[in-house]
PDB file of N, CA and C in Angstrom:
ATOM      1  N   MET A   1      -7.455  73.302 -38.681  1.00  0.00           N
ATOM      2  CA  MET A   1      -8.258  72.908 -39.825  1.00  0.00           C
ATOM      3  C   MET A   1      -9.685  72.573 -39.395  1.00  0.00           C
ATOM      4  N   ILE A   2      -9.793  71.877 -38.266  1.00  0.00           N
ATOM      5  CA  ILE A   2     -11.125  71.479 -37.819  1.00  0.00           C
ATOM      6  C   ILE A   2     -11.909  72.675 -37.318  1.00  0.00           C
ATOM      7  N   GLY A   3     -11.239  73.526 -36.537  1.00  0.00           N
ATOM      8  CA  GLY A   3     -11.914  74.674 -35.952  1.00  0.00           C
ATOM      9  C   GLY A   3     -12.222  75.758 -36.969  1.00  0.00           C
ATOM     10  N   GLY A   4     -11.488  75.769 -38.044  1.00  0.00           N
ATOM     11  CA  GLY A   4     -11.689  76.792 -39.068  1.00  0.00           C
ATOM     12  C   GLY A   4     -12.778  76.398 -40.041  1.00  0.00           C
ATOM     13  N   LYS A   5     -12.779  77.061 -41.132  1.00  0.00           N
ATOM     14  CA  LYS A   5     -13.799  76.807 -42.156  1.00  0.00           C
ATOM     15  C   LYS A   5     -13.247  75.945 -43.278  1.00  0.00           C
ATOM     16  N   HIS A   6     -12.444  74.975 -42.922  1.00  0.00           N
ATOM     17  CA  HIS A   6     -11.868  74.092 -43.942  1.00  0.00           C
ATOM     18  C   HIS A   6     -12.990  73.310 -44.619  1.00  0.00           C
ATOM     19  N   PHE A   7     -12.880  73.109 -45.911  1.00  0.00           N
ATOM     20  CA  PHE A   7     -13.962  72.456 -46.655  1.00  0.00           C
ATOM     21  C   PHE A   7     -14.165  70.990 -46.248  1.00  0.00           C
ATOM     22  N   ALA A   8     -13.154  70.366 -45.668  1.00  0.00           N
ATOM     23  CA  ALA A   8     -13.264  68.956 -45.307  1.00  0.00           C
ATOM     24  C   ALA A   8     -13.244  68.768 -43.788  1.00  0.00           C
ATOM     25  N   SER A   9     -13.647  69.775 -43.033  1.00  0.00           N
ATOM     26  CA  SER A   9     -13.550  69.681 -41.575  1.00  0.00           C
ATOM     27  C   SER A   9     -14.375  68.533 -41.003  1.00  0.00           C
ATOM     28  N   SER A  10     -15.531  68.243 -41.563  1.00  0.00           N
ATOM     29  CA  SER A  10     -16.339  67.129 -41.037  1.00  0.00           C
ATOM     30  C   SER A  10     -15.660  65.788 -41.300  1.00  0.00           C
ATOM     31  N   GLU A  11     -15.035  65.625 -42.473  1.00  0.00           N
ATOM     32  CA  GLU A  11     -14.312  64.392 -42.767  1.00  0.00           C
ATOM     33  C   GLU A  11     -13.080  64.257 -41.876  1.00  0.00           C
ATOM     34  N   ILE A  12     -12.427  65.381 -41.610  1.00  0.00           N
ATOM     35  CA  ILE A  12     -11.246  65.365 -40.747  1.00  0.00           C
ATOM     36  C   ILE A  12     -11.659  64.963 -39.332  1.00  0.00           C
ATOM     37  N   LYS A  13     -12.744  65.523 -38.831  1.00  0.00           N
ATOM     38  CA  LYS A  13     -13.244  65.167 -37.494  1.00  0.00           C
ATOM     39  C   LYS A  13     -13.559  63.678 -37.427  1.00  0.00           C
ATOM     40  N   GLN A  14     -14.212  63.177 -38.456  1.00  0.00           N
ATOM     41  CA  GLN A  14     -14.585  61.763 -38.485  1.00  0.00           C
ATOM     42  C   GLN A  14     -13.327  60.892 -38.461  1.00  0.00           C
ATOM     43  N   ARG A  15     -12.349  61.257 -39.264  1.00  0.00           N
ATOM     44  CA  ARG A  15     -11.115  60.463 -39.329  1.00  0.00           C
ATOM     45  C   ARG A  15     -10.341  60.524 -38.015  1.00  0.00           C
ATOM     46  N   VAL A  16     -10.309  61.689 -37.379  1.00  0.00           N
ATOM     47  CA  VAL A  16      -9.655  61.829 -36.071  1.00  0.00           C
ATOM     48  C   VAL A  16     -10.342  60.936 -35.053  1.00  0.00           C
ATOM     49  N   ASN A  17     -11.671  60.914 -35.071  1.00  0.00           N
ATOM     50  CA  ASN A  17     -12.411  60.035 -34.162  1.00  0.00           C
ATOM     51  C   ASN A  17     -12.098  58.562 -34.430  1.00  0.00           C
ATOM     52  N   GLU A  18     -12.010  58.186 -35.692  1.00  0.00           N
ATOM     53  CA  GLU A  18     -11.673  56.798 -36.041  1.00  0.00           C
ATOM     54  C   GLU A  18     -10.281  56.433 -35.541  1.00  0.00           C
ATOM     55  N   VAL A  19      -9.328  57.327 -35.752  1.00  0.00           N
ATOM     56  CA  VAL A  19      -7.954  57.066 -35.304  1.00  0.00           C
ATOM     57  C   VAL A  19      -7.913  56.960 -33.778  1.00  0.00           C
ATOM     58  N   ASN A  20      -8.620  57.829 -33.081  1.00  0.00           N
ATOM     59  CA  ASN A  20      -8.659  57.759 -31.617  1.00  0.00           C
ATOM     60  C   ASN A  20      -9.264  56.440 -31.132  1.00  0.00           C
ATOM     61  N   THR A  21     -10.327  56.010 -31.781  1.00  0.00           N
ATOM     62  CA  THR A  21     -10.950  54.737 -31.423  1.00  0.00           C
ATOM     63  C   THR A  21      -9.995  53.575 -31.662  1.00  0.00           C
ATOM     64  N   GLN A  22      -9.313  53.574 -32.792  1.00  0.00           N
ATOM     65  CA  GLN A  22      -8.346  52.523 -33.093  1.00  0.00           C
ATOM     66  C   GLN A  22      -7.184  52.556 -32.103  1.00  0.00           C
ATOM     67  N   TRP A  23      -6.759  53.751 -31.717  1.00  0.00           N
ATOM     68  CA  TRP A  23      -5.668  53.886 -30.758  1.00  0.00           C
ATOM     69  C   TRP A  23      -6.070  53.289 -29.406  1.00  0.00           C
ATOM     70  N   GLU A  24      -7.294  53.570 -28.976  1.00  0.00           N
ATOM     71  CA  GLU A  24      -7.786  53.007 -27.718  1.00  0.00           C
ATOM     72  C   GLU A  24      -7.844  51.486 -27.790  1.00  0.00           C
ATOM     73  N   SER A  25      -8.254  50.945 -28.919  1.00  0.00           N
ATOM     74  CA  SER A  25      -8.289  49.495 -29.098  1.00  0.00           C
ATOM     75  C   SER A  25      -6.884  48.907 -29.046  1.00  0.00           C
ATOM     76  N   LEU A  26      -5.942  49.596 -29.656  1.00  0.00           N
ATOM     77  CA  LEU A  26      -4.555  49.145 -29.641  1.00  0.00           C
ATOM     78  C   LEU A  26      -3.982  49.163 -28.227  1.00  0.00           C
ATOM     79  N   GLU A  27      -4.294  50.203 -27.478  1.00  0.00           N
ATOM     80  CA  GLU A  27      -3.822  50.278 -26.091  1.00  0.00           C
ATOM     81  C   GLU A  27      -4.411  49.143 -25.255  1.00  0.00           C
ATOM     82  N   ALA A  28      -5.693  48.854 -25.448  1.00  0.00           N
ATOM     83  CA  ALA A  28      -6.341  47.776 -24.704  1.00  0.00           C
ATOM     84  C   ALA A  28      -5.736  46.426 -25.071  1.00  0.00           C
ATOM     85  N   ALA A  29      -5.508  46.194 -26.358  1.00  0.00           N
ATOM     86  CA  ALA A  29      -4.910  44.937 -26.800  1.00  0.00           C
ATOM     87  C   ALA A  29      -3.482  44.806 -26.273  1.00  0.00           C
ATOM     88  N   SER A  30      -2.769  45.905 -26.245  1.00  0.00           N
ATOM     89  CA  SER A  30      -1.400  45.903 -25.729  1.00  0.00           C
ATOM     90  C   SER A  30      -1.377  45.575 -24.239  1.00  0.00           C
ATOM     91  N   ALA A  31      -2.291  46.149 -23.485  1.00  0.00           N
ATOM     92  CA  ALA A  31      -2.373  45.867 -22.046  1.00  0.00           C
ATOM     93  C   ALA A  31      -2.715  44.398 -21.803  1.00  0.00           C
ATOM     94  N   GLU A  32      -3.619  43.864 -22.604  1.00  0.00           N
ATOM     95  CA  GLU A  32      -3.998  42.451 -22.469  1.00  0.00           C
ATOM     96  C   GLU A  32      -2.808  41.543 -22.794  1.00  0.00           C
ATOM     97  N   LYS A  33      -2.093  41.872 -23.849  1.00  0.00           N
ATOM     98  CA  LYS A  33      -0.933  41.072 -24.225  1.00  0.00           C
ATOM     99  C   LYS A  33       0.155  41.157 -23.154  1.00  0.00           C
ATOM    100  N   ARG A  34       0.369  42.346 -22.615  1.00  0.00           N
ATOM    101  CA  ARG A  34       1.354  42.510 -21.544  1.00  0.00           C
ATOM    102  C   ARG A  34       0.997  41.618 -20.358  1.00  0.00           C
ATOM    103  N   GLU A  35      -0.283  41.568 -20.009  1.00  0.00           N
ATOM    104  CA  GLU A  35      -0.737  40.731 -18.891  1.00  0.00           C
ATOM    105  C   GLU A  35      -0.472  39.252 -19.177  1.00  0.00           C
ATOM    106  N   ARG A  36      -0.795  38.810 -20.392  1.00  0.00           N
ATOM    107  CA  ARG A  36      -0.546  37.408 -20.744  1.00  0.00           C
ATOM    108  C   ARG A  36       0.940  37.088 -20.739  1.00  0.00           C
ATOM    109  N   LEU A  37       1.760  37.990 -21.230  1.00  0.00           N
ATOM    110  CA  LEU A  37       3.205  37.778 -21.225  1.00  0.00           C
ATOM    111  C   LEU A  37       3.752  37.726 -19.803  1.00  0.00           C
ATOM    112  N   GLN A  38       3.250  38.577 -18.932  1.00  0.00           N
ATOM    113  CA  GLN A  38       3.690  38.553 -17.537  1.00  0.00           C
ATOM    114  C   GLN A  38       3.291  37.242 -16.869  1.00  0.00           C
ATOM    115  N   GLN A  39       2.095  36.753 -17.167  1.00  0.00           N
ATOM    116  CA  GLN A  39       1.660  35.478 -16.607  1.00  0.00           C
ATOM    117  C   GLN A  39       2.534  34.339 -17.116  1.00  0.00           C
ATOM    118  N   ALA A  40       2.840  34.351 -18.403  1.00  0.00           N
ATOM    119  CA  ALA A  40       3.693  33.306 -18.969  1.00  0.00           C
ATOM    120  C   ALA A  40       5.091  33.368 -18.363  1.00  0.00           C
ATOM    121  N   TYR A  41       5.592  34.565 -18.157  1.00  0.00           N
ATOM    122  CA  TYR A  41       6.900  34.738 -17.545  1.00  0.00           C
ATOM    123  C   TYR A  41       6.904  34.176 -16.126  1.00  0.00           C
ATOM    124  N   GLN A  42       5.854  34.455 -15.370  1.00  0.00           N
ATOM    125  CA  GLN A  42       5.758  33.951 -14.004  1.00  0.00           C
ATOM    126  C   GLN A  42       5.667  32.428 -13.980  1.00  0.00           C
ATOM    127  N   VAL A  43       4.913  31.854 -14.900  1.00  0.00           N
ATOM    128  CA  VAL A  43       4.817  30.397 -14.983  1.00  0.00           C
ATOM    129  C   VAL A  43       6.185  29.812 -15.341  1.00  0.00           C
ATOM    130  N   GLY A  44       6.873  30.458 -16.272  1.00  0.00           N
ATOM    131  CA  GLY A  44       8.207  29.995 -16.648  1.00  0.00           C
ATOM    132  C   GLY A  44       9.161  30.038 -15.471  1.00  0.00           C
ATOM    133  N   ASN A  45       9.118  31.114 -14.707  1.00  0.00           N
ATOM    134  CA  ASN A  45       9.968  31.203 -13.519  1.00  0.00           C
ATOM    135  C   ASN A  45       9.611  30.144 -12.497  1.00  0.00           C
ATOM    136  N   LEU A  46       8.330  29.886 -12.337  1.00  0.00           N
ATOM    137  CA  LEU A  46       7.892  28.847 -11.414  1.00  0.00           C
ATOM    138  C   LEU A  46       8.392  27.483 -11.862  1.00  0.00           C
ATOM    139  N   MET A  47       8.338  27.224 -13.155  1.00  0.00           N
ATOM    140  CA  MET A  47       8.822  25.940 -13.679  1.00  0.00           C
ATOM    141  C   MET A  47      10.328  25.796 -13.451  1.00  0.00           C
ATOM    142  N   VAL A  48      11.084  26.855 -13.693  1.00  0.00           N
ATOM    143  CA  VAL A  48      12.534  26.811 -13.459  1.00  0.00           C
ATOM    144  C   VAL A  48      12.800  26.563 -11.989  1.00  0.00           C
ATOM    145  N   TYR A  49      12.078  27.251 -11.136  1.00  0.00           N
ATOM    146  CA  TYR A  49      12.243  27.069  -9.695  1.00  0.00           C
ATOM    147  C   TYR A  49      11.909  25.628  -9.307  1.00  0.00           C
ATOM    148  N   ALA A  50      10.793  25.127  -9.805  1.00  0.00           N
ATOM    149  CA  ALA A  50      10.367  23.768  -9.455  1.00  0.00           C
ATOM    150  C   ALA A  50      11.361  22.734  -9.962  1.00  0.00           C
ATOM    151  N   CYS A  51      11.933  22.955 -11.125  1.00  0.00           N
ATOM    152  CA  CYS A  51      12.886  21.990 -11.675  1.00  0.00           C
ATOM    153  C   CYS A  51      14.212  22.018 -10.930  1.00  0.00           C
ATOM    154  N   ASN A  52      14.481  23.071 -10.201  1.00  0.00           N
ATOM    155  CA  ASN A  52      15.719  23.165  -9.433  1.00  0.00           C
ATOM    156  C   ASN A  52      15.582  22.643  -8.014  1.00  0.00           C
ATOM    157  N   LEU A  53      14.392  22.247  -7.621  1.00  0.00           N
ATOM    158  CA  LEU A  53      14.200  21.671  -6.292  1.00  0.00           C
ATOM    159  C   LEU A  53      14.787  20.261  -6.265  1.00  0.00           C
ATOM    160  N   PRO A  54      15.354  19.867  -5.146  1.00  0.00           N
ATOM    161  CA  PRO A  54      15.906  18.502  -5.062  1.00  0.00           C
ATOM    162  C   PRO A  54      14.861  17.427  -5.344  1.00  0.00           C
ATOM    163  N   GLU A  55      13.619  17.683  -4.960  1.00  0.00           N
ATOM    164  CA  GLU A  55      12.563  16.694  -5.196  1.00  0.00           C
ATOM    165  C   GLU A  55      12.302  16.501  -6.689  1.00  0.00           C
ATOM    166  N   ALA A  56      12.579  17.517  -7.487  1.00  0.00           N
ATOM    167  CA  ALA A  56      12.324  17.432  -8.924  1.00  0.00           C
ATOM    168  C   ALA A  56      13.203  16.368  -9.559  1.00  0.00           C
ATOM    169  N   ALA A  57      14.436  16.248  -9.127  1.00  0.00           N
ATOM    170  CA  ALA A  57      15.329  15.222  -9.681  1.00  0.00           C
ATOM    171  C   ALA A  57      14.790  13.838  -9.372  1.00  0.00           C
ATOM    172  N   THR A  58      14.273  13.644  -8.177  1.00  0.00           N
ATOM    173  CA  THR A  58      13.690  12.356  -7.802  1.00  0.00           C
ATOM    174  C   THR A  58      12.431  12.087  -8.609  1.00  0.00           C
ATOM    175  N   PHE A  59      11.612  13.105  -8.772  1.00  0.00           N
ATOM    176  CA  PHE A  59      10.356  12.979  -9.505  1.00  0.00           C
ATOM    177  C   PHE A  59      10.617  12.576 -10.954  1.00  0.00           C
ATOM    178  N   HIS A  60      11.537  13.264 -11.620  1.00  0.00           N
ATOM    179  CA  HIS A  60      11.809  12.995 -13.027  1.00  0.00           C
ATOM    180  C   HIS A  60      12.503  11.655 -13.247  1.00  0.00           C
ATOM    181  N   SER A  61      13.152  11.134 -12.233  1.00  0.00           N
ATOM    182  CA  SER A  61      13.833   9.853 -12.406  1.00  0.00           C
ATOM    183  C   SER A  61      12.943   8.670 -12.038  1.00  0.00           C
ATOM    184  N   HIS A  62      11.747   8.943 -11.596  1.00  0.00           N
ATOM    185  CA  HIS A  62      10.814   7.870 -11.247  1.00  0.00           C
ATOM    186  C   HIS A  62      10.501   7.057 -12.499  1.00  0.00           C
ATOM    187  N   PRO A  63      10.412   5.732 -12.386  1.00  0.00           N
ATOM    188  CA  PRO A  63      10.216   4.864 -13.559  1.00  0.00           C
ATOM    189  C   PRO A  63       8.993   5.208 -14.410  1.00  0.00           C
ATOM    190  N   ILE A  64       7.908   5.684 -13.821  1.00  0.00           N
ATOM    191  CA  ILE A  64       6.716   5.952 -14.630  1.00  0.00           C
ATOM    192  C   ILE A  64       6.884   7.197 -15.484  1.00  0.00           C
ATOM    193  N   TYR A  65       7.887   8.022 -15.217  1.00  0.00           N
ATOM    194  CA  TYR A  65       8.100   9.243 -16.000  1.00  0.00           C
ATOM    195  C   TYR A  65       9.223   9.107 -17.003  1.00  0.00           C
ATOM    196  N   ARG A  66       9.870   7.971 -17.035  1.00  0.00           N
ATOM    197  CA  ARG A  66      10.936   7.774 -18.005  1.00  0.00           C
ATOM    198  C   ARG A  66      10.327   7.500 -19.375  1.00  0.00           C
ATOM    199  N   THR A  67      10.968   7.987 -20.402  1.00  0.00           N
ATOM    200  CA  THR A  67      10.446   7.825 -21.759  1.00  0.00           C
ATOM    201  C   THR A  67      11.273   6.837 -22.565  1.00  0.00           C
ATOM    202  N   SER A  68      12.237   6.186 -21.933  1.00  0.00           N
ATOM    203  CA  SER A  68      13.059   5.238 -22.697  1.00  0.00           C
ATOM    204  C   SER A  68      12.268   3.991 -23.016  1.00  0.00           C
ATOM    205  N   ALA A  69      12.582   3.405 -24.158  1.00  0.00           N
ATOM    206  CA  ALA A  69      11.829   2.234 -24.630  1.00  0.00           C
ATOM    207  C   ALA A  69      12.375   0.947 -24.093  1.00  0.00           C
TER     208      ALA A  69
END
């Protein structure tokens, strides 16, 4: 349609360019979100690891960290 003599070829080209631009933006946003999710996952794993250390039980039982009234 674009290469031929279609009456709306310029509008089609414009719309294809818009869709391509939006697609590139979506890919960039997806990559950014993937990076943030991976970072959050790593922090979560670090927290689980830290909470399983023997020192963590001592730390959490320290009087200044207790929340009881």
